[in-house]
PDB file of N, CA and C in Angstrom:
ATOM      1  N   MET A   1       0.752  -1.206   0.017  1.00  0.00           N
ATOM      2  CA  MET A   1      -0.023   0.079  -0.017  1.00  0.00           C
ATOM      3  C   MET A   1       0.914   1.366   0.267  1.00  0.00           C
ATOM      4  N   ALA A   2       2.105   1.103   0.760  1.00  0.00           N
ATOM      5  CA  ALA A   2       2.878   2.219   0.863  1.00  0.00           C
ATOM      6  C   ALA A   2       3.436   2.715  -0.523  1.00  0.00           C
ATOM      7  N   GLN A   3       3.715   1.639  -1.080  1.00  0.00           N
ATOM      8  CA  GLN A   3       4.489   1.776  -2.678  1.00  0.00           C
ATOM      9  C   GLN A   3       3.365   2.319  -3.434  1.00  0.00           C
ATOM     10  N   ASP A   4       2.155   2.158  -3.454  1.00  0.00           N
ATOM     11  CA  ASP A   4       1.157   2.598  -4.365  1.00  0.00           C
ATOM     12  C   ASP A   4       0.776   4.176  -4.134  1.00  0.00           C
ATOM     13  N   ILE A   5       1.015   4.374  -2.769  1.00  0.00           N
ATOM     14  CA  ILE A   5       0.984   6.053  -2.600  1.00  0.00           C
ATOM     15  C   ILE A   5       2.148   6.633  -2.990  1.00  0.00           C
ATOM     16  N   LYS A   6       3.169   6.195  -3.049  1.00  0.00           N
ATOM     17  CA  LYS A   6       4.595   6.683  -3.475  1.00  0.00           C
ATOM     18  C   LYS A   6       4.503   6.888  -4.798  1.00  0.00           C
ATOM     19  N   LYS A   7       3.836   6.183  -5.524  1.00  0.00           N
ATOM     20  CA  LYS A   7       3.737   6.040  -7.049  1.00  0.00           C
ATOM     21  C   LYS A   7       2.846   7.170  -7.368  1.00  0.00           C
ATOM     22  N   LEU A   8       1.947   7.268  -6.799  1.00  0.00           N
ATOM     23  CA  LEU A   8       0.768   8.243  -6.865  1.00  0.00           C
ATOM     24  C   LEU A   8       1.259   9.493  -6.852  1.00  0.00           C
ATOM     25  N   LEU A   9       2.053   9.898  -5.838  1.00  0.00           N
ATOM     26  CA  LEU A   9       2.381  11.220  -5.550  1.00  0.00           C
ATOM     27  C   LEU A   9       3.531  11.397  -6.433  1.00  0.00           C
ATOM     28  N   GLN A  10       4.680  10.547  -6.939  1.00  0.00           N
ATOM     29  CA  GLN A  10       5.360  10.694  -8.122  1.00  0.00           C
ATOM     30  C   GLN A  10       4.661  11.129  -9.469  1.00  0.00           C
ATOM     31  N   GLU A  11       3.749  10.475  -9.799  1.00  0.00           N
ATOM     32  CA  GLU A  11       3.186  10.412 -10.968  1.00  0.00           C
ATOM     33  C   GLU A  11       2.417  12.019 -11.019  1.00  0.00           C
ATOM     34  N   SER A  12       1.613  12.195  -9.776  1.00  0.00           N
ATOM     35  CA  SER A  12       1.073  13.501 -10.000  1.00  0.00           C
ATOM     36  C   SER A  12       2.004  14.778  -9.854  1.00  0.00           C
ATOM     37  N   LYS A  13       3.331  14.432  -9.437  1.00  0.00           N
ATOM     38  CA  LYS A  13       4.240  15.616  -9.497  1.00  0.00           C
ATOM     39  C   LYS A  13       4.648  15.675 -10.850  1.00  0.00           C
ATOM     40  N   GLU A  14       5.081  14.791 -11.565  1.00  0.00           N
ATOM     41  CA  GLU A  14       5.223  15.027 -13.014  1.00  0.00           C
ATOM     42  C   GLU A  14       4.066  15.375 -14.130  1.00  0.00           C
ATOM     43  N   VAL A  15       2.834  15.266 -13.667  1.00  0.00           N
ATOM     44  CA  VAL A  15       1.658  15.714 -14.377  1.00  0.00           C
ATOM     45  C   VAL A  15       1.439  17.054 -14.143  1.00  0.00           C
ATOM     46  N   THR A  16       1.650  17.467 -12.943  1.00  0.00           N
ATOM     47  CA  THR A  16       1.218  19.075 -12.706  1.00  0.00           C
ATOM     48  C   THR A  16       2.511  19.809 -12.386  1.00  0.00           C
ATOM     49  N   ARG A  17       3.495  19.754 -13.161  1.00  0.00           N
ATOM     50  CA  ARG A  17       4.478  20.724 -13.050  1.00  0.00           C
ATOM     51  C   ARG A  17       4.268  22.051 -13.719  1.00  0.00           C
ATOM     52  N   TYR A  18       4.669  23.219 -12.798  1.00  0.00           N
ATOM     53  CA  TYR A  18       4.119  24.359 -13.108  1.00  0.00           C
ATOM     54  C   TYR A  18       5.585  25.114 -13.807  1.00  0.00           C
ATOM     55  N   LYS A  19       5.173  25.710 -14.882  1.00  0.00           N
ATOM     56  CA  LYS A  19       5.989  26.355 -15.436  1.00  0.00           C
ATOM     57  C   LYS A  19       5.915  28.062 -15.376  1.00  0.00           C
ATOM     58  N   MET A  20       6.819  28.704 -15.119  1.00  0.00           N
ATOM     59  CA  MET A  20       6.729  30.286 -14.946  1.00  0.00           C
ATOM     60  C   MET A  20       6.420  30.812 -16.277  1.00  0.00           C
ATOM     61  N   PRO A  21       5.638  31.798 -16.164  1.00  0.00           N
ATOM     62  CA  PRO A  21       5.570  32.510 -17.536  1.00  0.00           C
ATOM     63  C   PRO A  21       6.467  33.182 -18.097  1.00  0.00           C
ATOM     64  N   VAL A  22       6.558  33.482 -19.243  1.00  0.00           N
ATOM     65  CA  VAL A  22       7.914  34.269 -19.895  1.00  0.00           C
ATOM     66  C   VAL A  22       7.931  35.615 -19.480  1.00  0.00           C
ATOM     67  N   GLY A  23       9.242  35.956 -19.058  1.00  0.00           N
ATOM     68  CA  GLY A  23       9.655  37.175 -18.423  1.00  0.00           C
ATOM     69  C   GLY A  23       9.425  37.296 -16.888  1.00  0.00           C
ATOM     70  N   HIS A  24       8.756  36.506 -16.366  1.00  0.00           N
ATOM     71  CA  HIS A  24       8.141  36.419 -14.926  1.00  0.00           C
ATOM     72  C   HIS A  24       9.369  36.847 -14.034  1.00  0.00           C
ATOM     73  N   GLU A  25      10.607  35.959 -14.176  1.00  0.00           N
ATOM     74  CA  GLU A  25      11.925  36.308 -13.539  1.00  0.00           C
ATOM     75  C   GLU A  25      12.204  37.852 -13.512  1.00  0.00           C
ATOM     76  N   LYS A  26      12.243  38.331 -14.886  1.00  0.00           N
ATOM     77  CA  LYS A  26      12.872  39.696 -15.222  1.00  0.00           C
ATOM     78  C   LYS A  26      11.985  40.725 -14.288  1.00  0.00           C
ATOM     79  N   ARG A  27      10.580  40.427 -14.461  1.00  0.00           N
ATOM     80  CA  ARG A  27       9.869  41.295 -14.020  1.00  0.00           C
ATOM     81  C   ARG A  27       9.963  41.322 -12.323  1.00  0.00           C
ATOM     82  N   PHE A  28      10.059  40.394 -11.586  1.00  0.00           N
ATOM     83  CA  PHE A  28      10.378  40.079 -10.209  1.00  0.00           C
ATOM     84  C   PHE A  28      11.621  40.756  -9.764  1.00  0.00           C
ATOM     85  N   GLU A  29      12.695  40.717 -10.455  1.00  0.00           N
ATOM     86  CA  GLU A  29      13.914  41.159 -10.345  1.00  0.00           C
ATOM     87  C   GLU A  29      13.909  42.714 -10.439  1.00  0.00           C
ATOM     88  N   PHE A  30      13.154  43.371 -11.185  1.00  0.00           N
ATOM     89  CA  PHE A  30      12.956  44.628 -11.574  1.00  0.00           C
ATOM     90  C   PHE A  30      12.002  45.282 -10.387  1.00  0.00           C
ATOM     91  N   ARG A  31      11.197  44.471 -10.144  1.00  0.00           N
ATOM     92  CA  ARG A  31      10.441  45.067  -8.841  1.00  0.00           C
ATOM     93  C   ARG A  31      11.011  45.018  -7.597  1.00  0.00           C
ATOM     94  N   LEU A  32      11.802  44.063  -7.179  1.00  0.00           N
ATOM     95  CA  LEU A  32      12.609  43.845  -6.228  1.00  0.00           C
ATOM     96  C   LEU A  32      13.843  44.994  -6.347  1.00  0.00           C
ATOM     97  N   ASP A  33      14.496  45.217  -7.129  1.00  0.00           N
ATOM     98  CA  ASP A  33      15.343  46.364  -7.392  1.00  0.00           C
ATOM     99  C   ASP A  33      14.917  47.639  -7.052  1.00  0.00           C
ATOM    100  N   THR A  34      13.509  47.959  -7.467  1.00  0.00           N
ATOM    101  CA  THR A  34      13.085  49.138  -7.281  1.00  0.00           C
ATOM    102  C   THR A  34      12.660  49.302  -5.876  1.00  0.00           C
ATOM    103  N   ALA A  35      12.157  48.114  -5.156  1.00  0.00           N
ATOM    104  CA  ALA A  35      11.715  48.284  -4.003  1.00  0.00           C
ATOM    105  C   ALA A  35      12.846  48.438  -2.954  1.00  0.00           C
ATOM    106  N   LEU A  36      13.776  47.842  -3.140  1.00  0.00           N
ATOM    107  CA  LEU A  36      14.993  47.827  -2.323  1.00  0.00           C
ATOM    108  C   LEU A  36      16.097  49.088  -2.367  1.00  0.00           C
ATOM    109  N   SER A  37      15.800  49.581  -3.682  1.00  0.00           N
ATOM    110  CA  SER A  37      16.875  50.793  -4.181  1.00  0.00           C
ATOM    111  C   SER A  37      16.223  52.204  -3.349  1.00  0.00           C
ATOM    112  N   GLN A  38      14.928  52.047  -3.189  1.00  0.00           N
ATOM    113  CA  GLN A  38      14.402  53.416  -2.696  1.00  0.00           C
ATOM    114  C   GLN A  38      14.739  53.445  -1.194  1.00  0.00           C
ATOM    115  N   ARG A  39      15.368  54.562  -0.869  1.00  0.00           N
ATOM    116  CA  ARG A  39      15.887  54.508   0.669  1.00  0.00           C
ATOM    117  C   ARG A  39      14.602  55.254   1.261  1.00  0.00           C
ATOM    118  N   ARG A  40      14.011  54.929   2.390  1.00  0.00           N
ATOM    119  CA  ARG A  40      13.037  55.272   3.191  1.00  0.00           C
ATOM    120  C   ARG A  40      13.608  56.694   3.949  1.00  0.00           C
ATOM    121  N   LYS A  41      13.130  57.774   3.767  1.00  0.00           N
ATOM    122  CA  LYS A  41      13.718  59.035   4.587  1.00  0.00           C
ATOM    123  C   LYS A  41      12.998  59.330   5.735  1.00  0.00           C
ATOM    124  N   TRP A  42      13.440  59.428   6.986  1.00  0.00           N
ATOM    125  CA  TRP A  42      12.684  59.734   8.198  1.00  0.00           C
ATOM    126  C   TRP A  42      12.243  61.143   8.072  1.00  0.00           C
ATOM    127  N   PRO A  43      11.011  61.384   8.187  1.00  0.00           N
ATOM    128  CA  PRO A  43      10.651  62.690   8.021  1.00  0.00           C
ATOM    129  C   PRO A  43      10.763  63.607   9.171  1.00  0.00           C
ATOM    130  N   TYR A  44      11.498  63.074  10.200  1.00  0.00           N
ATOM    131  CA  TYR A  44      11.504  63.834  11.520  1.00  0.00           C
ATOM    132  C   TYR A  44      12.980  64.108  11.755  1.00  0.00           C
ATOM    133  N   GLY A  45      13.617  64.313  10.694  1.00  0.00           N
ATOM    134  CA  GLY A  45      15.154  64.842  10.686  1.00  0.00           C
ATOM    135  C   GLY A  45      15.377  66.127  11.739  1.00  0.00           C
ATOM    136  N   TRP A  46      14.640  66.749  11.695  1.00  0.00           N
ATOM    137  CA  TRP A  46      14.707  67.851  12.588  1.00  0.00           C
ATOM    138  C   TRP A  46      14.834  67.515  14.099  1.00  0.00           C
ATOM    139  N   LEU A  47      14.168  66.432  14.393  1.00  0.00           N
ATOM    140  CA  LEU A  47      14.048  66.059  15.688  1.00  0.00           C
ATOM    141  C   LEU A  47      15.277  65.464  16.523  1.00  0.00           C
ATOM    142  N   ASN A  48      16.267  64.905  15.585  1.00  0.00           N
ATOM    143  CA  ASN A  48      17.488  64.617  15.700  1.00  0.00           C
ATOM    144  C   ASN A  48      18.282  65.704  16.127  1.00  0.00           C
ATOM    145  N   ILE A  49      18.096  66.982  15.386  1.00  0.00           N
ATOM    146  CA  ILE A  49      19.078  68.275  15.886  1.00  0.00           C
ATOM    147  C   ILE A  49      18.614  68.838  16.997  1.00  0.00           C
ATOM    148  N   ALA A  50      17.203  68.803  17.317  1.00  0.00           N
ATOM    149  CA  ALA A  50      16.696  69.411  18.246  1.00  0.00           C
ATOM    150  C   ALA A  50      17.245  68.374  19.613  1.00  0.00           C
ATOM    151  N   ALA A  51      17.338  67.118  19.554  1.00  0.00           N
ATOM    152  CA  ALA A  51      17.603  66.473  20.774  1.00  0.00           C
ATOM    153  C   ALA A  51      18.932  66.617  21.012  1.00  0.00           C
ATOM    154  N   SER A  52      19.843  66.735  19.970  1.00  0.00           N
ATOM    155  CA  SER A  52      21.308  66.963  19.882  1.00  0.00           C
ATOM    156  C   SER A  52      21.533  68.321  20.710  1.00  0.00           C
ATOM    157  N   ILE A  53      20.792  69.281  20.425  1.00  0.00           N
ATOM    158  CA  ILE A  53      20.844  70.538  21.293  1.00  0.00           C
ATOM    159  C   ILE A  53      20.398  70.415  22.651  1.00  0.00           C
ATOM    160  N   VAL A  54      19.212  69.778  22.762  1.00  0.00           N
ATOM    161  CA  VAL A  54      19.055  69.569  24.230  1.00  0.00           C
ATOM    162  C   VAL A  54      20.198  68.938  24.937  1.00  0.00           C
ATOM    163  N   VAL A  55      20.543  67.826  24.533  1.00  0.00           N
ATOM    164  CA  VAL A  55      21.712  66.975  25.279  1.00  0.00           C
ATOM    165  C   VAL A  55      23.136  68.164  25.444  1.00  0.00           C
ATOM    166  N   VAL A  56      23.402  68.963  24.503  1.00  0.00           N
ATOM    167  CA  VAL A  56      24.491  69.642  24.723  1.00  0.00           C
ATOM    168  C   VAL A  56      24.336  70.774  25.543  1.00  0.00           C
ATOM    169  N   VAL A  57      23.260  71.462  25.718  1.00  0.00           N
ATOM    170  CA  VAL A  57      22.899  72.318  26.449  1.00  0.00           C
ATOM    171  C   VAL A  57      22.665  71.817  28.022  1.00  0.00           C
ATOM    172  N   SER A  58      22.160  70.879  28.134  1.00  0.00           N
ATOM    173  CA  SER A  58      22.018  70.321  29.489  1.00  0.00           C
ATOM    174  C   SER A  58      23.399  69.979  30.018  1.00  0.00           C
ATOM    175  N   VAL A  59      24.219  69.250  29.257  1.00  0.00           N
ATOM    176  CA  VAL A  59      25.634  68.937  29.602  1.00  0.00           C
ATOM    177  C   VAL A  59      26.355  70.107  30.009  1.00  0.00           C
ATOM    178  N   SER A  60      26.255  71.270  29.077  1.00  0.00           N
ATOM    179  CA  SER A  60      27.103  72.253  29.423  1.00  0.00           C
ATOM    180  C   SER A  60      26.473  72.975  30.644  1.00  0.00           C
ATOM    181  N   TYR A  61      25.254  73.138  30.829  1.00  0.00           N
ATOM    182  CA  TYR A  61      24.610  73.872  32.220  1.00  0.00           C
ATOM    183  C   TYR A  61      25.004  73.018  33.439  1.00  0.00           C
ATOM    184  N   PHE A  62      24.903  71.671  33.573  1.00  0.00           N
ATOM    185  CA  PHE A  62      25.397  71.011  34.831  1.00  0.00           C
ATOM    186  C   PHE A  62      26.953  70.963  35.011  1.00  0.00           C
ATOM    187  N   SER A  63      27.720  71.050  34.054  1.00  0.00           N
ATOM    188  CA  SER A  63      29.126  70.783  33.993  1.00  0.00           C
ATOM    189  C   SER A  63      29.236  72.546  34.454  1.00  0.00           C
ATOM    190  N   TYR A  64      28.920  73.519  34.081  1.00  0.00           N
ATOM    191  CA  TYR A  64      29.225  74.934  34.458  1.00  0.00           C
ATOM    192  C   TYR A  64      28.998  75.042  35.913  1.00  0.00           C
ATOM    193  N   ARG A  65      27.857  74.498  36.327  1.00  0.00           N
ATOM    194  CA  ARG A  65      27.360  74.578  37.965  1.00  0.00           C
ATOM    195  C   ARG A  65      28.251  73.660  38.556  1.00  0.00           C
ATOM    196  N   LEU A  66      28.741  72.580  38.277  1.00  0.00           N
ATOM    197  CA  LEU A  66      29.755  71.854  38.958  1.00  0.00           C
ATOM    198  C   LEU A  66      30.933  72.317  39.182  1.00  0.00           C
ATOM    199  N   PHE A  67      31.640  73.105  38.073  1.00  0.00           N
ATOM    200  CA  PHE A  67      32.618  73.741  38.108  1.00  0.00           C
ATOM    201  C   PHE A  67      33.117  75.188  38.750  1.00  0.00           C
ATOM    202  N   THR A  68      31.805  75.562  38.719  1.00  0.00           N
ATOM    203  CA  THR A  68      31.795  77.247  39.398  1.00  0.00           C
ATOM    204  C   THR A  68      31.494  77.225  40.785  1.00  0.00           C
ATOM    205  N   GLY A  69      31.101  75.932  41.251  1.00  0.00           N
ATOM    206  CA  GLY A  69      30.868  75.899  42.727  1.00  0.00           C
ATOM    207  C   GLY A  69      29.261  76.148  43.162  1.00  0.00           C
ATOM    208  N   ASP A  70      28.602  76.327  41.963  1.00  0.00           N
ATOM    209  CA  ASP A  70      26.984  76.899  42.753  1.00  0.00           C
ATOM    210  C   ASP A  70      26.536  75.433  42.793  1.00  0.00           C
ATOM    211  N   GLY A  71      27.042  74.525  42.356  1.00  0.00           N
ATOM    212  CA  GLY A  71      26.055  73.209  42.760  1.00  0.00           C
ATOM    213  C   GLY A  71      26.501  72.701  43.740  1.00  0.00           C
ATOM    214  N   GLN A  72      27.109  73.151  44.685  1.00  0.00           N
ATOM    215  CA  GLN A  72      27.842  72.394  45.854  1.00  0.00           C
ATOM    216  C   GLN A  72      26.942  72.375  46.939  1.00  0.00           C
ATOM    217  N   VAL A  73      26.943  71.152  47.634  1.00  0.00           N
ATOM    218  CA  VAL A  73      25.761  71.244  48.682  1.00  0.00           C
ATOM    219  C   VAL A  73      26.353  72.155  49.850  1.00  0.00           C
ATOM    220  N   LYS A  74      25.474  72.961  50.138  1.00  0.00           N
ATOM    221  CA  LYS A  74      25.804  73.751  51.515  1.00  0.00           C
ATOM    222  C   LYS A  74      25.809  73.003  52.761  1.00  0.00           C
ATOM    223  N   GLY A  75      26.459  73.349  53.618  1.00  0.00           N
ATOM    224  CA  GLY A  75      26.679  72.728  55.168  1.00  0.00           C
ATOM    225  C   GLY A  75      25.136  72.839  55.624  1.00  0.00           C
ATOM    226  N   THR A  76      24.670  71.788  56.128  1.00  0.00           N
ATOM    227  CA  THR A  76      23.461  71.796  56.784  1.00  0.00           C
ATOM    228  C   THR A  76      23.600  72.215  58.345  1.00  0.00           C
ATOM    229  N   PRO A  77      22.908  72.989  58.951  1.00  0.00           N
ATOM    230  CA  PRO A  77      22.973  73.208  60.252  1.00  0.00           C
ATOM    231  C   PRO A  77      22.592  72.301  61.137  1.00  0.00           C
ATOM    232  N   VAL A  78      23.154  71.820  62.008  1.00  0.00           N
ATOM    233  CA  VAL A  78      22.768  70.921  63.190  1.00  0.00           C
ATOM    234  C   VAL A  78      22.067  71.675  64.381  1.00  0.00           C
ATOM    235  N   THR A  79      20.775  70.984  64.419  1.00  0.00           N
ATOM    236  CA  THR A  79      19.844  71.613  65.488  1.00  0.00           C
ATOM    237  C   THR A  79      19.831  70.566  66.510  1.00  0.00           C
ATOM    238  N   ASP A  80      19.609  70.808  68.043  1.00  0.00           N
ATOM    239  CA  ASP A  80      19.306  70.024  68.976  1.00  0.00           C
ATOM    240  C   ASP A  80      17.895  69.484  68.965  1.00  0.00           C
ATOM    241  N   THR A  81      17.596  68.544  68.633  1.00  0.00           N
ATOM    242  CA  THR A  81      16.348  67.850  68.501  1.00  0.00           C
ATOM    243  C   THR A  81      15.662  67.422  70.006  1.00  0.00           C
ATOM    244  N   GLN A  82      16.548  67.466  70.918  1.00  0.00           N
ATOM    245  CA  GLN A  82      16.094  66.868  72.494  1.00  0.00           C
ATOM    246  C   GLN A  82      15.865  68.494  73.044  1.00  0.00           C
ATOM    247  N   GLN A  83      14.631  68.697  73.196  1.00  0.00           N
ATOM    248  CA  GLN A  83      14.284  69.840  74.289  1.00  0.00           C
ATOM    249  C   GLN A  83      13.996  69.437  75.522  1.00  0.00           C
ATOM    250  N   ASP A  84      14.612  70.168  76.418  1.00  0.00           N
ATOM    251  CA  ASP A  84      14.213  70.088  77.919  1.00  0.00           C
ATOM    252  C   ASP A  84      12.949  70.588  78.343  1.00  0.00           C
ATOM    253  N   THR A  85      12.107  69.877  78.542  1.00  0.00           N
ATOM    254  CA  THR A  85      10.629  70.514  78.857  1.00  0.00           C
ATOM    255  C   THR A  85      10.617  70.516  80.328  1.00  0.00           C
ATOM    256  N   GLY A  86      11.360  70.050  81.095  1.00  0.00           N
ATOM    257  CA  GLY A  86      11.397  69.985  82.364  1.00  0.00           C
ATOM    258  C   GLY A  86      10.010  68.962  83.044  1.00  0.00           C
ATOM    259  N   ALA A  87       9.479  68.581  82.280  1.00  0.00           N
ATOM    260  CA  ALA A  87       8.366  67.326  82.895  1.00  0.00           C
ATOM    261  C   ALA A  87       9.144  66.206  82.722  1.00  0.00           C
ATOM    262  N   ALA A  88       8.791  65.375  83.810  1.00  0.00           N
ATOM    263  CA  ALA A  88       9.265  63.893  83.873  1.00  0.00           C
ATOM    264  C   ALA A  88       8.685  63.196  82.598  1.00  0.00           C
ATOM    265  N   GLN A  89       9.372  62.346  82.151  1.00  0.00           N
ATOM    266  CA  GLN A  89       9.339  61.419  81.072  1.00  0.00           C
ATOM    267  C   GLN A  89       8.838  60.258  81.701  1.00  0.00           C
ATOM    268  N   ILE A  90       7.650  59.737  81.081  1.00  0.00           N
ATOM    269  CA  ILE A  90       7.133  58.381  81.508  1.00  0.00           C
ATOM    270  C   ILE A  90       7.484  57.412  80.803  1.00  0.00           C
ATOM    271  N   THR A  91       8.255  56.276  81.267  1.00  0.00           N
ATOM    272  CA  THR A  91       8.625  55.162  80.603  1.00  0.00           C
ATOM    273  C   THR A  91       7.853  54.067  80.848  1.00  0.00           C
ATOM    274  N   LEU A  92       8.306  52.908  80.367  1.00  0.00           N
ATOM    275  CA  LEU A  92       7.769  51.467  80.661  1.00  0.00           C
ATOM    276  C   LEU A  92       7.954  51.072  81.936  1.00  0.00           C
ATOM    277  N   GLY A  93       9.080  51.368  82.528  1.00  0.00           N
ATOM    278  CA  GLY A  93       9.510  51.043  83.789  1.00  0.00           C
ATOM    279  C   GLY A  93       8.491  51.658  85.031  1.00  0.00           C
ATOM    280  N   ASN A  94       8.230  52.780  84.502  1.00  0.00           N
ATOM    281  CA  ASN A  94       6.982  53.267  85.441  1.00  0.00           C
ATOM    282  C   ASN A  94       5.858  52.568  85.744  1.00  0.00           C
ATOM    283  N   ILE A  95       5.431  51.744  84.555  1.00  0.00           N
ATOM    284  CA  ILE A  95       4.135  51.150  84.519  1.00  0.00           C
ATOM    285  C   ILE A  95       4.435  49.590  85.216  1.00  0.00           C
ATOM    286  N   SER A  96       5.279  49.011  84.942  1.00  0.00           N
ATOM    287  CA  SER A  96       5.341  47.615  85.577  1.00  0.00           C
ATOM    288  C   SER A  96       7.006  47.160  85.481  1.00  0.00           C
ATOM    289  N   PRO A  97       7.343  46.266  86.354  1.00  0.00           N
ATOM    290  CA  PRO A  97       8.716  45.790  86.574  1.00  0.00           C
ATOM    291  C   PRO A  97       9.103  44.944  85.151  1.00  0.00           C
ATOM    292  N   GLU A  98       8.233  44.481  84.769  1.00  0.00           N
ATOM    293  CA  GLU A  98       8.432  43.228  83.579  1.00  0.00           C
ATOM    294  C   GLU A  98       8.663  44.283  82.465  1.00  0.00           C
ATOM    295  N   LEU A  99       7.874  45.363  82.207  1.00  0.00           N
ATOM    296  CA  LEU A  99       7.999  46.256  81.016  1.00  0.00           C
ATOM    297  C   LEU A  99       9.346  46.977  81.200  1.00  0.00           C
ATOM    298  N   LYS A 100      10.072  47.247  82.479  1.00  0.00           N
ATOM    299  CA  LYS A 100      11.203  48.009  82.725  1.00  0.00           C
ATOM    300  C   LYS A 100      12.401  47.062  82.204  1.00  0.00           C
ATOM    301  N   LYS A 101      12.099  45.602  82.494  1.00  0.00           N
ATOM    302  CA  LYS A 101      13.299  44.715  81.894  1.00  0.00           C
ATOM    303  C   LYS A 101      13.214  44.727  80.225  1.00  0.00           C
ATOM    304  N   ILE A 102      12.122  44.692  79.890  1.00  0.00           N
ATOM    305  CA  ILE A 102      12.261  44.752  78.313  1.00  0.00           C
ATOM    306  C   ILE A 102      12.639  46.079  77.739  1.00  0.00           C
ATOM    307  N   GLU A 103      12.073  47.309  78.431  1.00  0.00           N
ATOM    308  CA  GLU A 103      12.672  48.655  78.150  1.00  0.00           C
ATOM    309  C   GLU A 103      14.308  48.378  78.123  1.00  0.00           C
ATOM    310  N   ASP A 104      14.678  48.012  79.288  1.00  0.00           N
ATOM    311  CA  ASP A 104      16.195  48.085  79.553  1.00  0.00           C
ATOM    312  C   ASP A 104      17.139  47.124  78.501  1.00  0.00           C
ATOM    313  N   TYR A 105      16.405  46.221  77.915  1.00  0.00           N
ATOM    314  CA  TYR A 105      16.898  45.222  76.953  1.00  0.00           C
ATOM    315  C   TYR A 105      17.279  46.207  75.598  1.00  0.00           C
ATOM    316  N   TYR A 106      15.905  46.718  75.123  1.00  0.00           N
ATOM    317  CA  TYR A 106      15.954  47.276  73.890  1.00  0.00           C
ATOM    318  C   TYR A 106      16.816  48.556  73.948  1.00  0.00           C
ATOM    319  N   VAL A 107      17.056  49.277  74.995  1.00  0.00           N
ATOM    320  CA  VAL A 107      17.710  50.448  75.344  1.00  0.00           C
ATOM    321  C   VAL A 107      19.261  50.207  75.125  1.00  0.00           C
ATOM    322  N   ALA A 108      19.589  48.847  75.728  1.00  0.00           N
ATOM    323  CA  ALA A 108      20.981  48.383  75.790  1.00  0.00           C
ATOM    324  C   ALA A 108      21.433  48.113  74.434  1.00  0.00           C
ATOM    325  N   ASN A 109      20.467  47.408  73.606  1.00  0.00           N
ATOM    326  CA  ASN A 109      20.969  47.120  72.116  1.00  0.00           C
ATOM    327  C   ASN A 109      20.891  48.261  71.136  1.00  0.00           C
ATOM    328  N   ILE A 110      20.313  49.234  71.489  1.00  0.00           N
ATOM    329  CA  ILE A 110      20.274  50.471  70.651  1.00  0.00           C
ATOM    330  C   ILE A 110      21.619  51.150  71.168  1.00  0.00           C
ATOM    331  N   ASN A 111      21.697  51.015  72.205  1.00  0.00           N
ATOM    332  CA  ASN A 111      23.188  51.807  72.600  1.00  0.00           C
ATOM    333  C   ASN A 111      24.238  51.017  72.104  1.00  0.00           C
ATOM    334  N   VAL A 112      24.304  49.664  72.190  1.00  0.00           N
ATOM    335  CA  VAL A 112      25.534  49.052  71.551  1.00  0.00           C
ATOM    336  C   VAL A 112      25.596  49.223  70.110  1.00  0.00           C
ATOM    337  N   ALA A 113      24.448  49.364  69.250  1.00  0.00           N
ATOM    338  CA  ALA A 113      24.429  49.405  67.801  1.00  0.00           C
ATOM    339  C   ALA A 113      24.806  51.176  67.764  1.00  0.00           C
ATOM    340  N   LEU A 114      24.694  51.983  68.473  1.00  0.00           N
ATOM    341  CA  LEU A 114      25.277  53.344  68.153  1.00  0.00           C
ATOM    342  C   LEU A 114      26.857  53.499  68.767  1.00  0.00           C
ATOM    343  N   SER A 115      26.950  52.671  69.633  1.00  0.00           N
ATOM    344  CA  SER A 115      28.592  52.776  69.972  1.00  0.00           C
ATOM    345  C   SER A 115      29.366  52.143  68.832  1.00  0.00           C
ATOM    346  N   GLU A 116      28.684  51.293  67.965  1.00  0.00           N
ATOM    347  CA  GLU A 116      29.607  50.676  67.116  1.00  0.00           C
ATOM    348  C   GLU A 116      29.728  51.539  65.750  1.00  0.00           C
ATOM    349  N   LEU A 117      28.821  52.600  65.686  1.00  0.00           N
ATOM    350  CA  LEU A 117      29.029  53.569  64.475  1.00  0.00           C
ATOM    351  C   LEU A 117      30.394  54.432  64.732  1.00  0.00           C
ATOM    352  N   SER A 118      31.006  54.614  63.418  1.00  0.00           N
ATOM    353  CA  SER A 118      32.080  55.624  63.473  1.00  0.00           C
ATOM    354  C   SER A 118      31.750  56.863  63.555  1.00  0.00           C
ATOM    355  N   VAL A 119      32.293  57.724  64.290  1.00  0.00           N
ATOM    356  CA  VAL A 119      32.144  59.226  64.236  1.00  0.00           C
ATOM    357  C   VAL A 119      32.922  59.972  63.478  1.00  0.00           C
ATOM    358  N   ASN A 120      32.590  60.646  62.352  1.00  0.00           N
ATOM    359  CA  ASN A 120      33.410  61.557  61.497  1.00  0.00           C
ATOM    360  C   ASN A 120      32.784  62.694  61.378  1.00  0.00           C
ATOM    361  N   ASN A 121      33.485  63.462  60.361  1.00  0.00           N
ATOM    362  CA  ASN A 121      32.840  64.829  60.054  1.00  0.00           C
ATOM    363  C   ASN A 121      31.630  64.371  59.065  1.00  0.00           C
ATOM    364  N   ASP A 122      31.777  63.522  58.325  1.00  0.00           N
ATOM    365  CA  ASP A 122      30.454  63.325  57.551  1.00  0.00           C
ATOM    366  C   ASP A 122      29.220  63.014  57.948  1.00  0.00           C
ATOM    367  N   ASN A 123      29.230  62.394  59.395  1.00  0.00           N
ATOM    368  CA  ASN A 123      27.964  62.230  59.818  1.00  0.00           C
ATOM    369  C   ASN A 123      27.847  62.889  61.183  1.00  0.00           C
TER     370      ASN A 123
END
């Protein structure tokens, strides 16, 4: 049965061979050459120029500010955030002894973390 189908396919290929019309290949090459030879022009060429101008102006502005010293960060004033109001502070230890232990534990951990920080002019 497989041989019969194979023979049928071979016979059908021989019978239905398609021949190209005369001049078909030349017409196709001509159309292909005309389609590929035309260079598409981007209609927004002025946009490239405008973008370049924006980049040049912004780079020159920021470099001017950097080198003239106008862009430097000014020193921030240090203010005392702890104000002495004279009133007694209410802590967890005032409420109960168990909460006093918890408060002492967390305060000790915070103080240890603060003591590990290096102190310099930057901070």
